[in-house]
Amino acid sequence: MSTAVLRPFRGEDRTAVLELVSADLLPGLPGLTFAELDQAVQGTGPSGPAVRAGLEGVCTEVLACPDGRVVGAVSWAVRSSDGTVMLLWLHCLEDEQILARALIGRAVARLGRRAVHAFAEPTALAPAGLAVNNRAGTRRALEDCGFSGTDRWRYLHRRLDDRGGHLPALADVVECPGLPGWRLDLREWDGARIGEALVRAPVEGVTALEWARLTPGRRSMGNSLLEQCLAHLADRKVREVSTVLPAPSDDQPSLDAALALHTAAGFTEIDQLYTFIRRP
C-alpha cells in the first residue's frame, strides 16, 4: 500500500469504482448504474446538487496501484456554513481495514485540522450511515483515524415473494415525482383511513419504505398499516423492500416498539448504520 497513489477520479475509473461500491450493497438495495455513480462523484442525486444542502467543493479521489488498478475511492465536500468537512462515501477492496485507513488517513491529512463528519449525508449510492457489521474494517479504520460513532439506525429488509395468500391492498396511490415514488393513503375495508406511507418507486423489483404513520386515534392499527404497504408493493411485483429505523437511545427507549412492529410484519434487521465525527 505504500506505493499506492491517491489521485483525482477519472472517467476511466468508473467501472472499477462501480464494482467496489456494488460489492458493499446491502440486501434490498437495487443494483447501481453508471448514472448514479456519476451523480455521487459530482455531488448530485434525485434531490438535486449537494450545494442545495449547503455543501460545496465536492471532491472524489481514488487509490490506485502502480499497475493502474483502482483499489479504493473516497468523496468529500465542505459545508459552507462552518467549514466542516463531510466525508460522503468511501469504498475499497476486501482487505478493507488497511485500504480504508489509507483512504481516510490521506484524506484527513489533506483537509487539515477541522471537524470531519463521515457518512452523515445520503448519496446517490446509498442511504446515510455506514453499515458497521457488513463493513467492519472501514469502521475500525475510522476509529483508528480518530473518528467516533454518533447517530445510528437499524437497516431492515423484507422479501415479498413469500407472502402467500394475504389480503389485497386498500390504498389510494398518489405519485410523488420529487422523490420519485408513491404516497399511499391506507384504508380499512369500510373505507376508514388508518394512515399513510411513502415508498420509493421500485427499481429492479426492490424499493424502500421511507416512512409510515398512523392516523390519530388509530394507534392499534400498526400491523394493518404495514400489511397494507406490503400488499400494495407485492401487487406491483416488488420482490424486496427495505426500511431504516432510528436505533433506541436512553431518552427514546420506545423506539424498540417500532422494531417489534416491523419484525411482526416479517422484516429482519440486517445491519446498523452509523454516522461518525472526527473533531479537530
C-alpha atoms as a PDB file:
ATOM      1  CA  MET A   1       0.000   0.000   0.000  1.00  0.00           C
ATOM      2  CA  SER A   2       2.941   2.330   0.454  1.00  0.00           C
ATOM      3  CA  THR A   3       3.206   2.683  -3.331  1.00  0.00           C
ATOM      4  CA  ALA A   4      -0.484   3.311  -3.980  1.00  0.00           C
ATOM      5  CA  VAL A   5      -1.374   6.844  -5.015  1.00  0.00           C
ATOM      6  CA  LEU A   6      -4.411   8.909  -4.074  1.00  0.00           C
ATOM      7  CA  ARG A   7      -5.365  10.851  -7.193  1.00  0.00           C
ATOM      8  CA  PRO A   8      -8.429  12.557  -8.685  1.00  0.00           C
ATOM      9  CA  PHE A   9     -11.200  10.364 -10.075  1.00  0.00           C
ATOM     10  CA  ARG A  10     -11.094   9.957 -13.865  1.00  0.00           C
ATOM     11  CA  GLY A  11     -13.697   8.820 -16.356  1.00  0.00           C
ATOM     12  CA  GLU A  12     -11.831   5.580 -16.993  1.00  0.00           C
ATOM     13  CA  ASP A  13     -12.179   4.714 -13.275  1.00  0.00           C
ATOM     14  CA  ARG A  14     -15.973   4.354 -13.499  1.00  0.00           C
ATOM     15  CA  THR A  15     -16.105   0.580 -13.992  1.00  0.00           C
ATOM     16  CA  ALA A  16     -13.652  -0.219 -11.197  1.00  0.00           C
ATOM     17  CA  VAL A  17     -15.284   2.176  -8.722  1.00  0.00           C
ATOM     18  CA  LEU A  18     -18.796   0.938  -9.529  1.00  0.00           C
ATOM     19  CA  GLU A  19     -17.621  -2.627  -8.802  1.00  0.00           C
ATOM     20  CA  LEU A  20     -16.218  -1.517  -5.437  1.00  0.00           C
ATOM     21  CA  VAL A  21     -19.459   0.233  -4.486  1.00  0.00           C
ATOM     22  CA  SER A  22     -21.658  -2.631  -5.679  1.00  0.00           C
ATOM     23  CA  ALA A  23     -19.719  -5.135  -3.571  1.00  0.00           C
ATOM     24  CA  ASP A  24     -20.835  -3.242  -0.433  1.00  0.00           C
ATOM     25  CA  LEU A  25     -24.560  -3.080  -1.233  1.00  0.00           C
ATOM     26  CA  LEU A  26     -26.887  -4.391   1.461  1.00  0.00           C
ATOM     27  CA  PRO A  27     -29.827  -6.689   0.629  1.00  0.00           C
ATOM     28  CA  GLY A  28     -32.837  -4.710  -0.523  1.00  0.00           C
ATOM     29  CA  LEU A  29     -30.856  -2.047  -2.376  1.00  0.00           C
ATOM     30  CA  PRO A  30     -31.097  -2.061  -6.192  1.00  0.00           C
ATOM     31  CA  GLY A  31     -28.080  -2.550  -8.388  1.00  0.00           C
ATOM     32  CA  LEU A  32     -26.265   0.674  -9.150  1.00  0.00           C
ATOM     33  CA  THR A  33     -25.826   2.327 -12.524  1.00  0.00           C
ATOM     34  CA  PHE A  34     -23.084   4.450 -14.014  1.00  0.00           C
ATOM     35  CA  ALA A  35     -25.511   7.391 -13.947  1.00  0.00           C
ATOM     36  CA  GLU A  36     -25.878   7.061 -10.165  1.00  0.00           C
ATOM     37  CA  LEU A  37     -22.112   6.817  -9.751  1.00  0.00           C
ATOM     38  CA  ASP A  38     -21.692   9.969 -11.842  1.00  0.00           C
ATOM     39  CA  GLN A  39     -24.238  11.738  -9.617  1.00  0.00           C
ATOM     40  CA  ALA A  40     -22.325  10.695  -6.492  1.00  0.00           C
ATOM     41  CA  VAL A  41     -18.998  11.818  -7.952  1.00  0.00           C
ATOM     42  CA  GLN A  42     -20.496  15.205  -8.824  1.00  0.00           C
ATOM     43  CA  GLY A  43     -22.390  15.502  -5.545  1.00  0.00           C
ATOM     44  CA  THR A  44     -25.805  15.386  -7.191  1.00  0.00           C
ATOM     45  CA  GLY A  45     -28.724  12.985  -6.996  1.00  0.00           C
ATOM     46  CA  PRO A  46     -32.516  12.755  -7.118  1.00  0.00           C
ATOM     47  CA  SER A  47     -32.773  15.667  -4.656  1.00  0.00           C
ATOM     48  CA  GLY A  48     -30.501  17.918  -6.694  1.00  0.00           C
ATOM     49  CA  PRO A  49     -26.934  19.179  -6.297  1.00  0.00           C
ATOM     50  CA  ALA A  50     -25.110  18.959  -2.999  1.00  0.00           C
ATOM     51  CA  VAL A  51     -24.860  22.749  -2.877  1.00  0.00           C
ATOM     52  CA  ARG A  52     -28.591  22.798  -2.054  1.00  0.00           C
ATOM     53  CA  ALA A  53     -27.750  21.036   1.189  1.00  0.00           C
ATOM     54  CA  GLY A  54     -25.143  23.685   1.970  1.00  0.00           C
ATOM     55  CA  LEU A  55     -22.208  21.687   0.586  1.00  0.00           C
ATOM     56  CA  GLU A  56     -19.607  22.881  -1.883  1.00  0.00           C
ATOM     57  CA  GLY A  57     -16.335  21.760  -3.443  1.00  0.00           C
ATOM     58  CA  VAL A  58     -17.271  18.101  -3.907  1.00  0.00           C
ATOM     59  CA  CYS A  59     -14.054  16.132  -4.466  1.00  0.00           C
ATOM     60  CA  THR A  60     -13.730  12.445  -5.407  1.00  0.00           C
ATOM     61  CA  GLU A  61     -10.379  10.649  -5.425  1.00  0.00           C
ATOM     62  CA  VAL A  62      -9.274   7.066  -5.995  1.00  0.00           C
ATOM     63  CA  LEU A  63      -6.500   4.976  -4.515  1.00  0.00           C
ATOM     64  CA  ALA A  64      -4.602   3.458  -7.445  1.00  0.00           C
ATOM     65  CA  CYS A  65      -1.766   0.915  -7.528  1.00  0.00           C
ATOM     66  CA  PRO A  66       1.289   1.397  -9.780  1.00  0.00           C
ATOM     67  CA  ASP A  67      -0.234  -1.029 -12.304  1.00  0.00           C
ATOM     68  CA  GLY A  68      -3.293   1.210 -12.579  1.00  0.00           C
ATOM     69  CA  ARG A  69      -5.676  -0.943 -10.517  1.00  0.00           C
ATOM     70  CA  VAL A  70      -8.163   1.148  -8.547  1.00  0.00           C
ATOM     71  CA  VAL A  71      -8.498  -0.377  -5.063  1.00  0.00           C
ATOM     72  CA  GLY A  72     -10.461   2.344  -3.314  1.00  0.00           C
ATOM     73  CA  ALA A  73     -12.391   5.585  -3.719  1.00  0.00           C
ATOM     74  CA  VAL A  74     -13.394   8.388  -1.373  1.00  0.00           C
ATOM     75  CA  SER A  75     -15.528  11.510  -1.810  1.00  0.00           C
ATOM     76  CA  TRP A  76     -15.964  14.557   0.398  1.00  0.00           C
ATOM     77  CA  ALA A  77     -17.317  18.108   0.388  1.00  0.00           C
ATOM     78  CA  VAL A  78     -17.217  21.161   2.659  1.00  0.00           C
ATOM     79  CA  ARG A  79     -20.229  22.580   4.489  1.00  0.00           C
ATOM     80  CA  SER A  80     -20.185  26.222   3.505  1.00  0.00           C
ATOM     81  CA  SER A  81     -21.810  27.495   6.701  1.00  0.00           C
ATOM     82  CA  ASP A  82     -18.991  26.495   9.052  1.00  0.00           C
ATOM     83  CA  GLY A  83     -16.196  24.838   7.018  1.00  0.00           C
ATOM     84  CA  THR A  84     -16.994  21.373   8.370  1.00  0.00           C
ATOM     85  CA  VAL A  85     -15.835  18.569   6.077  1.00  0.00           C
ATOM     86  CA  MET A  86     -18.374  15.901   5.085  1.00  0.00           C
ATOM     87  CA  LEU A  87     -16.842  12.557   4.104  1.00  0.00           C
ATOM     88  CA  LEU A  88     -19.700  11.491   1.822  1.00  0.00           C
ATOM     89  CA  TRP A  89     -18.774   7.957   0.758  1.00  0.00           C
ATOM     90  CA  LEU A  90     -15.851   5.546   0.755  1.00  0.00           C
ATOM     91  CA  HIS A  91     -15.413   2.074  -0.756  1.00  0.00           C
ATOM     92  CA  CYS A  92     -12.436  -0.229  -1.164  1.00  0.00           C
ATOM     93  CA  LEU A  93     -11.370  -3.821  -1.800  1.00  0.00           C
ATOM     94  CA  GLU A  94     -11.929  -6.735   0.564  1.00  0.00           C
ATOM     95  CA  ASP A  95      -8.794  -6.038   2.615  1.00  0.00           C
ATOM     96  CA  GLU A  96     -10.911  -3.180   3.799  1.00  0.00           C
ATOM     97  CA  GLN A  97      -9.284  -2.018   7.000  1.00  0.00           C
ATOM     98  CA  ILE A  98      -5.830  -1.375   5.515  1.00  0.00           C
ATOM     99  CA  LEU A  99      -7.185   0.260   2.387  1.00  0.00           C
ATOM    100  CA  ALA A 100      -9.838   2.256   4.228  1.00  0.00           C
ATOM    101  CA  ARG A 101      -7.245   3.516   6.706  1.00  0.00           C
ATOM    102  CA  ALA A 102      -5.089   4.689   3.784  1.00  0.00           C
ATOM    103  CA  LEU A 103      -8.021   6.487   2.149  1.00  0.00           C
ATOM    104  CA  ILE A 104      -9.220   8.104   5.371  1.00  0.00           C
ATOM    105  CA  GLY A 105      -5.735   8.963   6.640  1.00  0.00           C
ATOM    106  CA  ARG A 106      -4.607  10.625   3.454  1.00  0.00           C
ATOM    107  CA  ALA A 107      -7.893  12.485   3.019  1.00  0.00           C
ATOM    108  CA  VAL A 108      -7.868  13.759   6.613  1.00  0.00           C
ATOM    109  CA  ALA A 109      -4.227  14.840   6.281  1.00  0.00           C
ATOM    110  CA  ARG A 110      -5.155  16.881   3.237  1.00  0.00           C
ATOM    111  CA  LEU A 111      -8.111  18.522   4.922  1.00  0.00           C
ATOM    112  CA  GLY A 112      -6.176  19.881   7.891  1.00  0.00           C
ATOM    113  CA  ARG A 113      -7.397  20.446  11.435  1.00  0.00           C
ATOM    114  CA  ARG A 114     -11.153  20.794  11.228  1.00  0.00           C
ATOM    115  CA  ALA A 115     -14.171  18.707  12.115  1.00  0.00           C
ATOM    116  CA  VAL A 116     -14.996  15.878   9.712  1.00  0.00           C
ATOM    117  CA  HIS A 117     -18.385  14.126   9.603  1.00  0.00           C
ATOM    118  CA  ALA A 118     -18.438  10.739   7.874  1.00  0.00           C
ATOM    119  CA  PHE A 119     -21.422   9.036   6.220  1.00  0.00           C
ATOM    120  CA  ALA A 120     -23.809  11.679   7.564  1.00  0.00           C
ATOM    121  CA  GLU A 121     -25.419  12.513   4.193  1.00  0.00           C
ATOM    122  CA  PRO A 122     -27.405  10.212   1.872  1.00  0.00           C
ATOM    123  CA  THR A 123     -25.899   9.977  -1.602  1.00  0.00           C
ATOM    124  CA  ALA A 124     -26.968   8.627  -4.973  1.00  0.00           C
ATOM    125  CA  LEU A 125     -25.230   5.384  -3.945  1.00  0.00           C
ATOM    126  CA  ALA A 126     -26.728   4.612  -0.525  1.00  0.00           C
ATOM    127  CA  PRO A 127     -28.655   5.994   2.453  1.00  0.00           C
ATOM    128  CA  ALA A 128     -26.765   7.858   5.163  1.00  0.00           C
ATOM    129  CA  GLY A 129     -24.740   5.775   7.599  1.00  0.00           C
ATOM    130  CA  LEU A 130     -22.027   3.127   7.368  1.00  0.00           C
ATOM    131  CA  ALA A 131     -23.197  -0.495   7.642  1.00  0.00           C
ATOM    132  CA  VAL A 132     -20.907  -1.293  10.557  1.00  0.00           C
ATOM    133  CA  ASN A 133     -21.345  -5.076  10.535  1.00  0.00           C
ATOM    134  CA  ASN A 134     -21.029  -5.540   6.793  1.00  0.00           C
ATOM    135  CA  ARG A 135     -18.073  -3.127   6.682  1.00  0.00           C
ATOM    136  CA  ALA A 136     -16.348  -3.736   9.995  1.00  0.00           C
ATOM    137  CA  GLY A 137     -12.921  -2.954   8.513  1.00  0.00           C
ATOM    138  CA  THR A 138     -13.981   0.532   7.477  1.00  0.00           C
ATOM    139  CA  ARG A 139     -15.464   1.116  10.919  1.00  0.00           C
ATOM    140  CA  ARG A 140     -12.176   0.122  12.590  1.00  0.00           C
ATOM    141  CA  ALA A 141     -10.240   2.298  10.155  1.00  0.00           C
ATOM    142  CA  LEU A 142     -12.407   5.310  11.027  1.00  0.00           C
ATOM    143  CA  GLU A 143     -11.873   4.695  14.730  1.00  0.00           C
ATOM    144  CA  ASP A 144      -8.115   4.270  14.188  1.00  0.00           C
ATOM    145  CA  CYS A 145      -8.109   7.678  12.475  1.00  0.00           C
ATOM    146  CA  GLY A 146      -9.812   9.383  15.426  1.00  0.00           C
ATOM    147  CA  PHE A 147     -13.486   9.115  14.446  1.00  0.00           C
ATOM    148  CA  SER A 148     -16.206   8.167  16.911  1.00  0.00           C
ATOM    149  CA  GLY A 149     -19.734   6.945  16.206  1.00  0.00           C
ATOM    150  CA  THR A 150     -22.650   9.320  16.722  1.00  0.00           C
ATOM    151  CA  ASP A 151     -26.144   8.639  15.364  1.00  0.00           C
ATOM    152  CA  ARG A 152     -27.206   5.132  14.412  1.00  0.00           C
ATOM    153  CA  TRP A 153     -30.128   3.484  12.664  1.00  0.00           C
ATOM    154  CA  ARG A 154     -31.388  -0.029  12.058  1.00  0.00           C
ATOM    155  CA  TYR A 155     -31.477  -1.278   8.480  1.00  0.00           C
ATOM    156  CA  LEU A 156     -34.349  -3.743   7.966  1.00  0.00           C
ATOM    157  CA  HIS A 157     -35.164  -5.946   4.979  1.00  0.00           C
ATOM    158  CA  ARG A 158     -38.222  -7.932   3.889  1.00  0.00           C
ATOM    159  CA  ARG A 159     -38.754 -10.257   0.920  1.00  0.00           C
ATOM    160  CA  LEU A 160     -42.253 -10.069  -0.567  1.00  0.00           C
ATOM    161  CA  ASP A 161     -42.243 -13.101  -2.848  1.00  0.00           C
ATOM    162  CA  ASP A 162     -43.145 -15.346   0.129  1.00  0.00           C
ATOM    163  CA  ARG A 163     -46.325 -13.519   1.153  1.00  0.00           C
ATOM    164  CA  GLY A 164     -48.747 -16.237   0.033  1.00  0.00           C
ATOM    165  CA  GLY A 165     -52.456 -15.500   0.218  1.00  0.00           C
ATOM    166  CA  HIS A 166     -52.507 -12.183   2.021  1.00  0.00           C
ATOM    167  CA  LEU A 167     -55.341  -9.719   1.588  1.00  0.00           C
ATOM    168  CA  PRO A 168     -55.133  -7.268  -1.322  1.00  0.00           C
ATOM    169  CA  ALA A 169     -54.091  -3.689  -0.707  1.00  0.00           C
ATOM    170  CA  LEU A 170     -56.623  -0.988   0.072  1.00  0.00           C
ATOM    171  CA  ALA A 171     -54.859   2.227  -0.787  1.00  0.00           C
ATOM    172  CA  ASP A 172     -55.247   5.449  -2.702  1.00  0.00           C
ATOM    173  CA  VAL A 173     -51.965   5.962  -4.532  1.00  0.00           C
ATOM    174  CA  VAL A 174     -50.528   9.394  -5.322  1.00  0.00           C
ATOM    175  CA  GLU A 175     -47.406   9.795  -7.421  1.00  0.00           C
ATOM    176  CA  CYS A 176     -44.580  11.776  -5.788  1.00  0.00           C
ATOM    177  CA  PRO A 177     -42.322  12.738  -8.703  1.00  0.00           C
ATOM    178  CA  GLY A 178     -39.982  14.686  -6.440  1.00  0.00           C
ATOM    179  CA  LEU A 179     -38.938  11.518  -4.621  1.00  0.00           C
ATOM    180  CA  PRO A 180     -39.673   9.690  -7.065  1.00  0.00           C
ATOM    181  CA  GLY A 181     -42.154   7.305  -5.520  1.00  0.00           C
ATOM    182  CA  TRP A 182     -45.704   6.863  -4.189  1.00  0.00           C
ATOM    183  CA  ARG A 183     -47.670   8.180  -1.244  1.00  0.00           C
ATOM    184  CA  LEU A 184     -50.170   5.599  -0.063  1.00  0.00           C
ATOM    185  CA  ASP A 185     -53.359   6.618   1.761  1.00  0.00           C
ATOM    186  CA  LEU A 186     -54.211   3.345   3.512  1.00  0.00           C
ATOM    187  CA  ARG A 187     -57.734   2.284   4.454  1.00  0.00           C
ATOM    188  CA  GLU A 188     -59.736  -0.422   6.150  1.00  0.00           C
ATOM    189  CA  TRP A 189     -62.389  -2.467   4.335  1.00  0.00           C
ATOM    190  CA  ASP A 190     -65.075   0.040   5.359  1.00  0.00           C
ATOM    191  CA  GLY A 191     -63.051   2.885   3.826  1.00  0.00           C
ATOM    192  CA  ALA A 192     -61.878   4.357   7.138  1.00  0.00           C
ATOM    193  CA  ARG A 193     -58.411   5.858   6.785  1.00  0.00           C
ATOM    194  CA  ILE A 194     -55.779   4.203   9.010  1.00  0.00           C
ATOM    195  CA  GLY A 195     -52.652   6.040   7.888  1.00  0.00           C
ATOM    196  CA  GLU A 196     -50.268   6.893   5.099  1.00  0.00           C
ATOM    197  CA  ALA A 197     -46.885   5.760   3.873  1.00  0.00           C
ATOM    198  CA  LEU A 198     -44.233   6.911   1.446  1.00  0.00           C
ATOM    199  CA  VAL A 199     -42.342   4.392  -0.684  1.00  0.00           C
ATOM    200  CA  ARG A 200     -39.742   4.855  -3.369  1.00  0.00           C
ATOM    201  CA  ALA A 201     -40.570   3.839  -6.915  1.00  0.00           C
ATOM    202  CA  PRO A 202     -39.199   0.291  -7.335  1.00  0.00           C
ATOM    203  CA  VAL A 203     -36.011  -0.365  -9.274  1.00  0.00           C
ATOM    204  CA  GLU A 204     -35.351  -3.926 -10.443  1.00  0.00           C
ATOM    205  CA  GLY A 205     -38.141  -5.143  -8.150  1.00  0.00           C
ATOM    206  CA  VAL A 206     -36.753  -3.592  -4.949  1.00  0.00           C
ATOM    207  CA  THR A 207     -37.799  -0.464  -3.096  1.00  0.00           C
ATOM    208  CA  ALA A 208     -37.532   1.386   0.211  1.00  0.00           C
ATOM    209  CA  LEU A 209     -40.258   2.257   2.698  1.00  0.00           C
ATOM    210  CA  GLU A 210     -39.375   5.839   3.615  1.00  0.00           C
ATOM    211  CA  TRP A 211     -41.916   6.214   6.429  1.00  0.00           C
ATOM    212  CA  ALA A 212     -45.332   5.096   7.587  1.00  0.00           C
ATOM    213  CA  ARG A 213     -47.558   6.881  10.089  1.00  0.00           C
ATOM    214  CA  LEU A 214     -50.937   6.177  11.593  1.00  0.00           C
ATOM    215  CA  THR A 215     -53.949   8.460  11.564  1.00  0.00           C
ATOM    216  CA  PRO A 216     -54.561   9.930  15.070  1.00  0.00           C
ATOM    217  CA  GLY A 217     -56.723   7.564  17.077  1.00  0.00           C
ATOM    218  CA  ARG A 218     -55.560   4.525  15.090  1.00  0.00           C
ATOM    219  CA  ARG A 219     -52.540   3.521  17.136  1.00  0.00           C
ATOM    220  CA  SER A 220     -53.745  -0.062  17.428  1.00  0.00           C
ATOM    221  CA  MET A 221     -53.691  -0.410  13.627  1.00  0.00           C
ATOM    222  CA  GLY A 222     -49.921  -0.513  13.141  1.00  0.00           C
ATOM    223  CA  ASN A 223     -49.926  -4.099  11.890  1.00  0.00           C
ATOM    224  CA  SER A 224     -52.678  -3.338   9.388  1.00  0.00           C
ATOM    225  CA  LEU A 225     -50.804  -0.278   8.172  1.00  0.00           C
ATOM    226  CA  LEU A 226     -47.658  -2.249   7.389  1.00  0.00           C
ATOM    227  CA  GLU A 227     -49.632  -5.119   5.866  1.00  0.00           C
ATOM    228  CA  GLN A 228     -51.349  -2.694   3.507  1.00  0.00           C
ATOM    229  CA  CYS A 229     -47.994  -1.200   2.478  1.00  0.00           C
ATOM    230  CA  LEU A 230     -46.567  -4.627   1.747  1.00  0.00           C
ATOM    231  CA  ALA A 231     -49.705  -5.726  -0.089  1.00  0.00           C
ATOM    232  CA  HIS A 232     -49.523  -2.654  -2.324  1.00  0.00           C
ATOM    233  CA  LEU A 233     -45.890  -3.338  -3.161  1.00  0.00           C
ATOM    234  CA  ALA A 234     -46.417  -7.069  -3.747  1.00  0.00           C
ATOM    235  CA  ASP A 235     -49.355  -6.344  -6.073  1.00  0.00           C
ATOM    236  CA  ARG A 236     -46.940  -4.261  -8.161  1.00  0.00           C
ATOM    237  CA  LYS A 237     -44.394  -7.090  -8.470  1.00  0.00           C
ATOM    238  CA  VAL A 238     -41.992  -5.674  -5.884  1.00  0.00           C
ATOM    239  CA  ARG A 239     -39.845  -8.539  -4.550  1.00  0.00           C
ATOM    240  CA  GLU A 240     -37.897  -6.823  -1.751  1.00  0.00           C
ATOM    241  CA  VAL A 241     -38.356  -3.816   0.491  1.00  0.00           C
ATOM    242  CA  SER A 242     -36.003  -2.172   2.970  1.00  0.00           C
ATOM    243  CA  THR A 243     -36.512   0.482   5.605  1.00  0.00           C
ATOM    244  CA  VAL A 244     -34.374   2.379   8.104  1.00  0.00           C
ATOM    245  CA  LEU A 245     -35.465   2.912  11.722  1.00  0.00           C
ATOM    246  CA  PRO A 246     -33.768   5.002  14.423  1.00  0.00           C
ATOM    247  CA  ALA A 247     -31.986   2.836  16.972  1.00  0.00           C
ATOM    248  CA  PRO A 248     -33.214   3.292  20.572  1.00  0.00           C
ATOM    249  CA  SER A 249     -31.412   5.656  22.921  1.00  0.00           C
ATOM    250  CA  ASP A 250     -31.583   6.349  26.641  1.00  0.00           C
ATOM    251  CA  ASP A 251     -34.145   9.102  26.118  1.00  0.00           C
ATOM    252  CA  GLN A 252     -36.174   7.203  23.476  1.00  0.00           C
ATOM    253  CA  PRO A 253     -36.376   3.546  24.526  1.00  0.00           C
ATOM    254  CA  SER A 254     -39.827   3.349  22.929  1.00  0.00           C
ATOM    255  CA  LEU A 255     -38.165   3.003  19.530  1.00  0.00           C
ATOM    256  CA  ASP A 256     -37.921  -0.722  20.279  1.00  0.00           C
ATOM    257  CA  ALA A 257     -41.680  -0.849  19.686  1.00  0.00           C
ATOM    258  CA  ALA A 258     -41.142   0.190  16.056  1.00  0.00           C
ATOM    259  CA  LEU A 259     -38.686  -2.673  15.599  1.00  0.00           C
ATOM    260  CA  ALA A 260     -41.168  -5.117  17.132  1.00  0.00           C
ATOM    261  CA  LEU A 261     -43.879  -3.876  14.768  1.00  0.00           C
ATOM    262  CA  HIS A 262     -41.693  -4.338  11.689  1.00  0.00           C
ATOM    263  CA  THR A 263     -40.421  -7.698  12.894  1.00  0.00           C
ATOM    264  CA  ALA A 264     -44.006  -8.897  13.264  1.00  0.00           C
ATOM    265  CA  ALA A 265     -44.556  -7.857   9.633  1.00  0.00           C
ATOM    266  CA  GLY A 266     -41.661 -10.052   8.514  1.00  0.00           C
ATOM    267  CA  PHE A 267     -38.785  -7.534   8.429  1.00  0.00           C
ATOM    268  CA  THR A 268     -35.322  -8.700   9.546  1.00  0.00           C
ATOM    269  CA  GLU A 269     -32.615  -6.429  10.923  1.00  0.00           C
ATOM    270  CA  ILE A 270     -29.677  -6.760   8.525  1.00  0.00           C
ATOM    271  CA  ASP A 271     -27.247  -4.184   9.892  1.00  0.00           C
ATOM    272  CA  GLN A 272     -26.869  -0.957  11.817  1.00  0.00           C
ATOM    273  CA  LEU A 273     -25.961   2.288  10.086  1.00  0.00           C
ATOM    274  CA  TYR A 274     -23.638   4.669  11.958  1.00  0.00           C
ATOM    275  CA  THR A 275     -22.512   8.197  11.284  1.00  0.00           C
ATOM    276  CA  PHE A 276     -19.111   9.306  12.581  1.00  0.00           C
ATOM    277  CA  ILE A 277     -17.327  12.505  13.594  1.00  0.00           C
ATOM    278  CA  ARG A 278     -13.663  13.408  13.961  1.00  0.00           C
ATOM    279  CA  ARG A 279     -13.112  16.565  15.954  1.00  0.00           C
ATOM    280  CA  PRO A 280     -10.117  18.821  15.259  1.00  0.00           C
END
